[in-house]
Protein backbone atom coordinates (compact mmCIF):
# COMPACT_ATOMS: atom_id res chain seq x y z
CA MET A 1 76.78 97.32 154.68
CA LYS A 2 76.30 98.71 151.19
CA LYS A 3 73.66 96.96 149.09
CA PRO A 4 74.68 95.27 145.82
CA LEU A 5 74.12 97.45 142.75
CA LYS A 6 71.45 95.05 141.49
CA GLU A 7 69.32 95.59 144.61
CA ILE A 8 69.80 99.36 144.51
CA LEU A 9 68.60 99.53 140.89
CA ALA A 10 65.75 97.06 141.34
CA GLY A 11 63.05 99.60 142.27
CA MET A 12 64.14 102.35 139.86
CA THR A 13 62.83 103.35 136.47
CA THR A 14 65.14 103.17 133.46
CA SER A 15 65.90 106.91 133.55
CA GLU A 16 66.59 106.73 137.29
CA LYS A 17 68.96 103.81 136.76
CA VAL A 18 70.87 105.71 134.07
CA LYS A 19 71.09 108.81 136.26
CA TYR A 20 72.26 106.81 139.27
CA ILE A 21 74.92 104.87 137.35
CA TRP A 22 76.23 108.03 135.69
CA GLU A 23 76.33 109.89 139.00
CA TYR A 24 78.35 107.27 140.83
CA TYR A 25 80.35 105.63 138.03
CA LYS A 26 80.92 108.41 135.50
CA PHE A 27 84.68 108.57 136.10
CA PHE A 28 85.01 104.82 135.54
CA ILE A 29 82.87 105.09 132.40
CA ILE A 30 84.85 108.03 131.02
CA GLY A 31 88.13 106.27 131.85
CA GLY A 32 86.95 103.12 130.11
CA ILE A 33 85.95 105.04 126.98
CA ILE A 34 89.31 106.84 126.87
CA LEU A 35 91.14 103.52 127.29
CA VAL A 36 89.18 101.92 124.44
CA VAL A 37 89.86 104.93 122.18
CA LEU A 38 93.60 104.85 122.98
CA ILE A 39 93.84 101.11 122.34
CA PHE A 40 91.93 101.47 119.05
CA SER A 41 94.16 104.38 118.02
CA MET A 42 97.35 102.45 118.82
CA VAL A 43 96.20 99.32 116.99
CA ASN A 44 95.08 101.38 113.99
CA SER A 45 98.41 103.21 113.95
CA ILE A 46 100.38 99.96 114.03
CA VAL A 47 98.25 98.27 111.37
CA ASN A 48 98.34 101.27 109.00
CA LYS A 49 101.91 102.34 109.68
CA LYS A 50 103.87 102.72 106.47
CA GLU A 51 107.45 101.55 106.18
CA VAL A 52 109.95 104.20 105.10
CA VAL A 53 111.62 102.60 102.08
CA LEU A 54 113.57 105.65 100.96
CA ASN A 55 114.88 108.47 103.14
CA VAL A 56 116.65 111.26 101.23
CA VAL A 57 118.17 114.27 102.98
CA VAL A 58 118.74 117.37 100.84
CA MET A 59 121.01 120.02 102.35
CA THR A 60 120.44 123.23 100.44
CA GLY A 61 119.44 126.85 100.75
CA LEU A 62 116.85 127.49 98.06
CA TYR A 63 114.67 124.72 96.66
CA ASP A 64 111.30 124.33 94.98
CA PRO A 65 108.77 122.74 97.42
CA GLU A 66 106.42 121.97 94.54
CA TYR A 67 109.21 120.11 92.78
CA ILE A 68 109.84 118.03 95.93
CA ASP A 69 106.16 117.01 95.99
CA GLN A 70 106.23 116.19 92.29
CA LEU A 71 109.42 114.17 92.76
CA LYS A 72 107.83 112.12 95.54
CA ASN A 73 104.76 111.45 93.39
CA LYS A 74 106.97 110.44 90.48
CA LEU A 75 108.90 108.01 92.67
CA TYR A 76 105.69 106.53 94.08
CA GLU A 77 104.50 105.85 90.54
CA GLU A 78 107.74 104.74 88.90
CA PHE A 79 110.03 103.45 91.66
CA LEU A 80 107.56 101.57 93.87
CA THR A 81 105.53 98.60 92.75
CA GLU A 82 101.73 98.77 92.92
CA GLU A 83 101.77 96.49 95.97
CA GLU A 84 104.38 98.63 97.76
CA ARG A 85 102.58 101.95 97.33
CA ASP A 86 99.90 101.27 99.97
CA LYS A 87 102.35 100.28 102.69
CA SER A 88 105.49 102.26 101.86
CA ASN A 89 106.60 105.82 102.46
CA ILE A 90 109.20 107.91 100.65
CA VAL A 91 110.71 110.74 102.70
CA ILE A 92 112.56 113.70 101.19
CA GLN A 93 113.83 116.01 103.92
CA THR A 94 115.30 119.46 103.28
CA ILE A 95 117.75 121.16 105.63
CA ASN A 96 118.74 124.79 105.15
CA SER A 97 122.52 124.81 104.92
CA SER A 98 122.92 128.32 103.48
CA SER A 99 122.51 130.34 106.67
CA ASP A 100 125.55 131.27 108.74
CA GLN A 101 123.38 131.55 111.85
CA LEU A 102 122.04 128.42 113.52
CA ASP A 103 118.37 129.18 114.15
CA MET A 104 116.10 126.94 116.25
CA LYS A 105 114.57 125.07 113.30
CA MET A 106 117.91 124.48 111.63
CA GLY A 107 119.36 123.33 114.96
CA ALA A 108 116.50 120.86 115.46
CA ASP A 109 116.80 119.64 111.84
CA MET A 110 120.54 119.09 112.24
CA GLN A 111 120.06 117.16 115.49
CA LYS A 112 117.42 114.96 113.86
CA MET A 113 119.66 114.40 110.85
CA ALA A 114 122.63 113.49 113.08
CA ALA A 115 120.50 110.98 115.01
CA GLU A 116 119.17 109.37 111.81
CA LEU A 117 122.67 109.26 110.31
CA SER A 118 124.08 107.64 113.44
CA ALA A 119 121.31 105.00 113.39
CA GLY A 120 121.82 104.25 109.69
CA TYR A 121 118.40 105.54 108.67
CA ILE A 122 119.54 107.97 105.97
CA ASP A 123 119.68 106.31 102.57
CA PHE A 124 120.88 109.21 100.40
CA PHE A 125 122.45 112.62 100.94
CA ILE A 126 122.27 115.44 98.41
CA VAL A 127 124.90 117.87 99.65
CA ASP A 128 127.46 120.45 98.63
CA LYS A 129 131.04 119.43 97.85
CA GLU A 130 132.43 120.51 101.22
CA PHE A 131 130.04 118.23 103.13
CA PHE A 132 130.67 115.43 100.63
CA ASP A 133 134.46 115.78 100.86
CA ASN A 134 134.33 115.67 104.64
CA MET A 135 132.48 112.32 104.61
CA ASN A 136 134.49 110.98 101.68
CA ASP A 137 137.83 111.79 103.35
CA GLN A 138 136.73 109.75 106.36
CA ASN A 139 135.60 106.78 104.22
CA GLN A 140 132.01 107.23 105.38
CA LEU A 141 130.40 106.66 101.96
CA MET A 142 129.29 103.56 100.06
CA SER A 143 130.62 102.58 96.65
CA PHE A 144 127.94 103.01 93.99
CA GLN A 145 129.33 100.10 91.94
CA LYS A 146 129.40 97.65 94.82
CA THR A 147 125.95 98.71 96.08
CA SER A 148 124.16 98.84 92.74
CA GLY A 149 126.05 96.10 90.92
CA ILE A 150 126.55 98.56 88.03
CA ASN A 151 130.11 99.29 86.88
CA ASP A 152 129.37 101.46 83.86
CA TRP A 153 127.87 104.86 84.73
CA PRO A 154 127.48 106.88 81.49
CA ILE A 155 128.46 110.16 83.09
CA PRO A 156 131.48 112.39 82.27
CA SER A 157 134.33 111.63 84.66
CA ASP A 158 134.50 115.22 85.90
CA HIS A 159 130.99 114.75 87.36
CA LEU A 160 131.94 111.58 89.22
CA HIS A 161 133.53 111.52 92.65
CA PHE A 162 135.66 108.65 93.88
CA SER A 163 136.64 107.04 97.15
CA LYS A 164 139.90 108.16 98.77
CA GLU A 165 140.59 104.53 99.59
CA ASN A 166 139.94 103.13 96.11
CA SER A 167 140.16 105.49 93.15
CA GLU A 168 137.84 103.27 91.09
CA ASP A 169 134.94 103.28 93.56
CA ILE A 170 132.34 105.97 92.78
CA THR A 171 131.02 107.50 96.01
CA GLY A 172 129.20 110.50 94.56
CA ILE A 173 127.63 111.89 91.40
CA ASP A 174 126.81 115.51 90.54
CA ILE A 175 123.01 115.83 90.45
CA SER A 176 123.30 118.16 87.45
CA THR A 177 123.90 115.02 85.35
CA LEU A 178 120.82 113.19 86.66
CA ASN A 179 117.50 114.00 84.99
CA LEU A 180 115.51 113.09 88.09
CA PHE A 181 116.89 116.03 90.10
CA LYS A 182 117.00 118.78 87.50
CA GLY A 183 115.11 121.81 88.80
CA MET A 184 114.91 120.63 92.40
CA VAL A 185 117.39 123.13 93.85
CA LYS A 186 118.52 126.52 92.61
CA ASP A 187 122.17 125.61 93.04
CA GLU A 188 122.62 122.34 91.16
CA ASP A 189 126.24 122.11 92.29
CA LYS A 190 125.25 119.28 94.62
CA ILE A 191 126.39 115.69 94.96
CA ILE A 192 124.30 112.62 95.71
CA CYS A 193 125.93 110.02 97.95
CA VAL A 194 125.13 107.13 100.30
CA PRO A 195 126.29 106.99 103.95
CA ALA A 196 128.48 103.94 104.58
CA ASN A 197 126.36 102.80 107.54
CA ALA A 198 123.00 102.99 105.71
CA LYS A 199 120.94 99.91 106.57
CA ASN A 200 118.34 99.97 103.82
CA THR A 201 120.60 98.41 101.18
CA LYS A 202 117.75 96.68 99.32
CA TYR A 203 116.05 99.94 98.34
CA ILE A 204 119.32 101.85 98.02
CA THR A 205 120.41 99.32 95.40
CA ARG A 206 117.06 99.62 93.61
CA PHE A 207 117.22 103.42 93.64
CA LEU A 208 120.74 103.50 92.21
CA GLN A 209 119.60 101.13 89.46
CA TYR A 210 116.59 103.41 88.88
CA LEU A 211 118.88 106.46 88.59
CA HIS A 212 121.15 104.61 86.17
CA LYS A 213 118.20 103.62 84.02
CA ASN A 214 116.95 107.22 83.84
CA ILE A 215 120.20 109.08 83.18
């Protein structure tokens, strides 16, 4: 019958005890350490996880990465409150839509975009007119007036795009008329719009009001 650990260690020196315990229990010790690290990492991740309050998808060929970073910083400072900045995240994704060939990265980006769109996690699209028209024709876009509560958009009518269902509902605006996006993409012939199934209506409304204020 095996002796209890206490009896085995009784006649040993401190260094002998350490050596014995490590020799026979090292896998348990290592496993315990790994478990503690994993639990700490998970808890830390949950506690410090930032909520995505704005998810913008830009479908374009050429764009200025530095401008994207500057735009995010500007939005953190001007769009978010001081309290929100520490716990909120603004995401601006870019998808290359200029290539005729579907490479691996573009394929992965499109799959991710489709999944986020299906789940209602995309707040704003900045797209070319063909993509916009496709969604607009299928009534898959929100009305800017109904979402923002703003009826008067001081933008020339030829830069506004309207719902096929209701000719008074604005569903898209040319980004060339919005100061916030000037210089972001080489081809400014893009339209900003909101998917009809977007869930984050609180921040979508705030962002539309922010755009209106800064026209």
